[in-house]
């Protein structure tokens, strides 16, 4: 069964809001300042029945102490994977693996041409597919039919390496990181494709802070429940 997640800075209010909205999985947004207080995050996180993934900070100037704190938080919460962008993976993955050889990396696609996707996927040990990045930066706003085909081709070739998915409600011409319910057709389409390949990672409604409200979060959970009910009925 697919698992829906949200993403937020690990503050108690955010945990509580996500839980009240109906989420049971989450990806934690992190930077060096957040990681410096990792020991205070752990007991709060353990108060909630979430499965966790974490997003490594998007900086290449991190200290050894910050790397160690990221690994400690990962271990303490039993994270499913560490989502990381390519520049940070290239710079830090050896040091991070030295701290913990069992880390499950999920390297996220970003500014890639379509001809570069296979090279990116083949070179990395685990993948995080950001569908919004794929549509906006790789396919450059192609129609939904073409996106559907290309996502299917990607899953057919690289689904065995896929550990994590970002699926905000993107529509070409609109802002990034909107809720899933802003793009119902896209979301239902991708969820069905992920179910068909029996994807076991987290699917994250990655939204901007302005949409991290009780109503917006609840709407995305209801959208996911609607898709799931229709899928089981079919």
Protein backbone atom coordinates (compact mmCIF):
# COMPACT_ATOMS: atom_id res chain seq x y z
CA UNK A 1 0.00 0.00 0.00
CA UNK A 2 1.31 3.45 -0.88
CA UNK A 3 2.30 5.73 1.99
CA UNK A 4 1.51 9.44 1.95
CA UNK A 5 3.80 11.87 3.77
CA UNK A 6 4.13 15.56 4.40
CA UNK A 7 7.29 17.62 4.90
CA UNK A 8 8.05 20.22 7.54
CA UNK A 9 10.63 21.77 9.84
CA UNK A 10 10.63 19.60 12.99
CA UNK A 11 8.78 21.82 15.45
CA UNK A 12 6.15 20.35 17.77
CA UNK A 13 3.38 22.45 16.24
CA UNK A 14 4.17 21.03 12.80
CA UNK A 15 4.14 17.44 14.09
CA UNK A 16 0.80 18.05 15.75
CA UNK A 17 -0.77 19.72 12.72
CA UNK A 18 0.33 16.89 10.42
CA UNK A 19 -0.96 14.26 12.80
CA UNK A 20 -4.32 15.98 13.21
CA UNK A 21 -4.63 16.23 9.42
CA UNK A 22 -4.26 12.45 9.12
CA UNK A 23 -0.64 12.00 8.01
CA UNK A 24 1.28 9.08 9.47
CA UNK A 25 4.55 9.60 7.60
CA UNK A 26 6.76 12.64 7.20
CA UNK A 27 9.98 13.95 5.71
CA UNK A 28 11.92 16.32 7.95
CA UNK A 29 13.36 19.53 6.48
CA UNK A 30 16.79 20.17 7.97
CA UNK A 31 19.59 22.69 8.02
CA UNK A 32 22.66 23.02 10.25
CA UNK A 33 20.78 25.01 12.90
CA UNK A 34 18.01 22.42 13.11
CA UNK A 35 20.49 19.54 13.27
CA UNK A 36 22.36 21.26 16.11
CA UNK A 37 19.28 20.63 18.28
CA UNK A 38 18.69 17.06 17.06
CA UNK A 39 18.61 15.67 20.61
CA UNK A 40 15.58 17.82 21.45
CA UNK A 41 13.82 16.80 18.23
CA UNK A 42 13.95 13.07 18.93
CA UNK A 43 11.59 12.91 21.94
CA UNK A 44 9.07 15.15 20.18
CA UNK A 45 9.18 12.99 17.06
CA UNK A 46 8.73 9.85 19.13
CA UNK A 47 5.51 11.26 20.56
CA UNK A 48 3.89 10.74 17.15
CA UNK A 49 3.23 7.49 15.26
CA UNK A 50 5.11 8.60 12.15
CA UNK A 51 7.45 6.85 9.79
CA UNK A 52 10.30 9.21 8.98
CA UNK A 53 12.55 10.23 6.14
CA UNK A 54 14.91 13.19 6.34
CA UNK A 55 16.13 15.74 3.81
CA UNK A 56 19.83 16.49 4.10
CA UNK A 57 20.65 20.24 4.17
CA UNK A 58 21.05 21.87 0.75
CA UNK A 59 24.52 23.24 1.43
CA UNK A 60 28.04 22.07 0.64
CA UNK A 61 29.78 24.01 3.45
CA UNK A 62 28.71 21.81 6.35
CA UNK A 63 30.96 20.89 9.25
CA UNK A 64 31.90 17.39 10.35
CA UNK A 65 29.79 18.02 13.44
CA UNK A 66 26.69 18.69 11.31
CA UNK A 67 27.30 15.48 9.35
CA UNK A 68 27.51 13.52 12.60
CA UNK A 69 24.31 15.14 13.87
CA UNK A 70 22.47 14.20 10.66
CA UNK A 71 23.50 10.58 11.09
CA UNK A 72 22.50 10.57 14.77
CA UNK A 73 19.03 11.92 13.96
CA UNK A 74 18.64 9.41 11.12
CA UNK A 75 19.48 6.54 13.46
CA UNK A 76 17.41 7.78 16.38
CA UNK A 77 14.24 8.03 14.28
CA UNK A 78 14.87 4.90 12.20
CA UNK A 79 14.56 6.95 9.03
CA UNK A 80 13.60 5.15 5.85
CA UNK A 81 16.05 7.16 3.76
CA UNK A 82 18.14 10.31 3.59
CA UNK A 83 16.97 12.49 0.69
CA UNK A 84 19.86 14.49 -0.70
CA UNK A 85 20.64 16.65 -3.74
CA UNK A 86 23.44 15.63 -6.08
CA UNK A 87 26.06 18.26 -5.10
CA UNK A 88 25.70 17.37 -1.42
CA UNK A 89 25.74 13.65 -2.18
CA UNK A 90 28.90 14.00 -4.25
CA UNK A 91 30.62 16.01 -1.53
CA UNK A 92 29.50 14.18 1.60
CA UNK A 93 28.34 10.64 0.88
CA UNK A 94 31.73 9.05 1.58
CA UNK A 95 32.00 10.78 4.96
CA UNK A 96 28.37 9.98 5.80
CA UNK A 97 28.81 6.33 4.86
CA UNK A 98 31.91 6.22 7.02
CA UNK A 99 29.76 7.33 9.96
CA UNK A 100 27.06 4.78 9.12
CA UNK A 101 27.48 2.30 6.23
CA UNK A 102 23.78 1.38 6.41
CA UNK A 103 22.49 4.82 5.36
CA UNK A 104 19.90 4.62 2.60
CA UNK A 105 20.47 7.60 0.30
CA UNK A 106 17.83 8.87 -2.11
CA UNK A 107 19.43 11.33 -4.53
CA UNK A 108 16.92 13.84 -5.88
CA UNK A 109 16.62 14.91 -9.53
CA UNK A 110 16.90 18.63 -10.13
CA UNK A 111 18.18 20.55 -13.19
CA UNK A 112 18.49 17.59 -15.56
CA UNK A 113 17.83 17.42 -19.28
CA UNK A 114 15.87 14.38 -20.44
CA UNK A 115 19.06 12.97 -21.96
CA UNK A 116 20.73 13.17 -18.53
CA UNK A 117 18.13 11.24 -16.55
CA UNK A 118 19.56 7.79 -17.22
CA UNK A 119 23.08 8.94 -16.31
CA UNK A 120 21.80 10.42 -13.03
CA UNK A 121 19.77 7.33 -12.19
CA UNK A 122 22.52 4.91 -13.10
CA UNK A 123 25.24 6.71 -11.16
CA UNK A 124 23.44 6.88 -7.79
CA UNK A 125 22.75 4.09 -5.32
CA UNK A 126 19.20 5.19 -4.54
CA UNK A 127 16.85 7.75 -6.05
CA UNK A 128 14.26 10.33 -5.01
CA UNK A 129 11.98 11.23 -7.91
CA UNK A 130 10.70 14.78 -7.65
CA UNK A 131 7.79 14.77 -10.11
CA UNK A 132 7.54 18.56 -10.06
CA UNK A 133 11.22 18.93 -10.98
CA UNK A 134 10.79 16.30 -13.68
CA UNK A 135 7.86 18.13 -15.25
CA UNK A 136 9.10 21.70 -14.79
CA UNK A 137 12.86 21.38 -15.29
CA UNK A 138 13.29 18.26 -17.43
CA UNK A 139 10.16 18.16 -19.60
CA UNK A 140 9.76 21.96 -19.36
CA UNK A 141 6.00 22.07 -19.05
CA UNK A 142 5.11 19.39 -21.61
CA UNK A 143 1.51 18.20 -21.55
CA UNK A 144 0.34 15.72 -18.93
CA UNK A 145 0.21 12.90 -21.46
CA UNK A 146 3.93 13.22 -22.18
CA UNK A 147 4.72 13.42 -18.47
CA UNK A 148 2.73 10.24 -17.92
CA UNK A 149 4.67 8.40 -20.59
CA UNK A 150 8.05 9.57 -19.30
CA UNK A 151 7.25 8.77 -15.67
CA UNK A 152 6.20 5.29 -16.80
CA UNK A 153 9.43 4.85 -18.75
CA UNK A 154 11.46 6.01 -15.75
CA UNK A 155 9.71 3.59 -13.41
CA UNK A 156 10.19 0.76 -15.87
CA UNK A 157 13.94 1.38 -16.07
CA UNK A 158 14.77 2.64 -12.60
CA UNK A 159 11.92 1.72 -10.27
CA UNK A 160 14.17 -0.82 -8.54
CA UNK A 161 16.36 2.08 -7.29
CA UNK A 162 13.52 4.40 -6.31
CA UNK A 163 13.34 5.03 -2.56
CA UNK A 164 11.35 8.27 -2.25
CA UNK A 165 8.97 10.50 -4.22
CA UNK A 166 8.07 14.19 -4.06
CA UNK A 167 4.62 14.82 -5.51
CA UNK A 168 3.34 18.35 -4.94
CA UNK A 169 0.38 19.56 -6.97
CA UNK A 170 2.29 21.10 -9.84
CA UNK A 171 0.64 22.53 -12.95
CA UNK A 172 2.82 24.21 -15.61
CA UNK A 173 2.65 27.98 -15.36
CA UNK A 174 1.88 28.03 -11.64
CA UNK A 175 4.13 28.32 -8.60
CA UNK A 176 6.05 25.37 -7.19
CA UNK A 177 5.19 23.38 -4.07
CA UNK A 178 1.43 23.70 -4.07
CA UNK A 179 -0.76 21.07 -2.37
CA UNK A 180 -1.64 17.87 -4.18
CA UNK A 181 -5.29 18.87 -4.48
CA UNK A 182 -4.24 21.68 -6.86
CA UNK A 183 -3.40 19.03 -9.48
CA UNK A 184 -5.76 16.11 -8.91
CA UNK A 185 -5.30 14.60 -12.38
CA UNK A 186 -1.50 14.60 -12.08
CA UNK A 187 -1.57 13.16 -8.59
CA UNK A 188 -4.03 10.36 -9.37
CA UNK A 189 -2.04 9.50 -12.48
CA UNK A 190 1.30 9.23 -10.67
CA UNK A 191 -0.15 7.43 -7.65
CA UNK A 192 -1.60 4.78 -9.95
CA UNK A 193 1.73 4.31 -11.71
CA UNK A 194 3.54 3.98 -8.39
CA UNK A 195 0.98 1.47 -7.15
CA UNK A 196 1.41 -0.54 -10.34
CA UNK A 197 5.13 -0.98 -9.68
CA UNK A 198 4.48 -1.68 -5.97
CA UNK A 199 6.49 1.30 -4.77
CA UNK A 200 7.25 0.98 -1.05
CA UNK A 201 8.77 4.36 -0.18
CA UNK A 202 7.13 7.58 0.98
CA UNK A 203 5.18 9.85 -1.37
CA UNK A 204 5.53 13.40 -0.09
CA UNK A 205 3.09 16.22 -0.58
CA UNK A 206 5.95 18.71 -0.57
CA UNK A 207 4.32 22.11 -0.05
CA UNK A 208 5.51 25.62 0.75
CA UNK A 209 5.09 26.88 4.33
CA UNK A 210 2.11 29.02 3.29
CA UNK A 211 0.19 25.80 2.56
CA UNK A 212 1.15 24.07 5.79
CA UNK A 213 -2.22 24.78 7.33
CA UNK A 214 -4.77 22.40 8.89
CA UNK A 215 -7.12 22.80 5.93
CA UNK A 216 -4.55 22.36 3.17
CA UNK A 217 -2.94 19.37 4.84
CA UNK A 218 -6.30 17.73 5.48
CA UNK A 219 -7.34 18.30 1.87
CA UNK A 220 -4.31 16.39 0.63
CA UNK A 221 -5.03 13.47 2.96
CA UNK A 222 -8.63 13.39 1.73
CA UNK A 223 -7.43 13.46 -1.88
CA UNK A 224 -5.16 10.49 -1.22
CA UNK A 225 -8.00 8.64 0.53
CA UNK A 226 -10.25 9.33 -2.46
CA UNK A 227 -7.68 7.88 -4.85
CA UNK A 228 -7.18 4.84 -2.63
CA UNK A 229 -10.91 4.17 -2.33
CA UNK A 230 -11.37 4.39 -6.10
CA UNK A 231 -8.39 2.11 -6.69
CA UNK A 232 -9.67 -0.58 -4.32
CA UNK A 233 -13.14 -0.33 -5.89
CA UNK A 234 -11.66 -0.83 -9.36
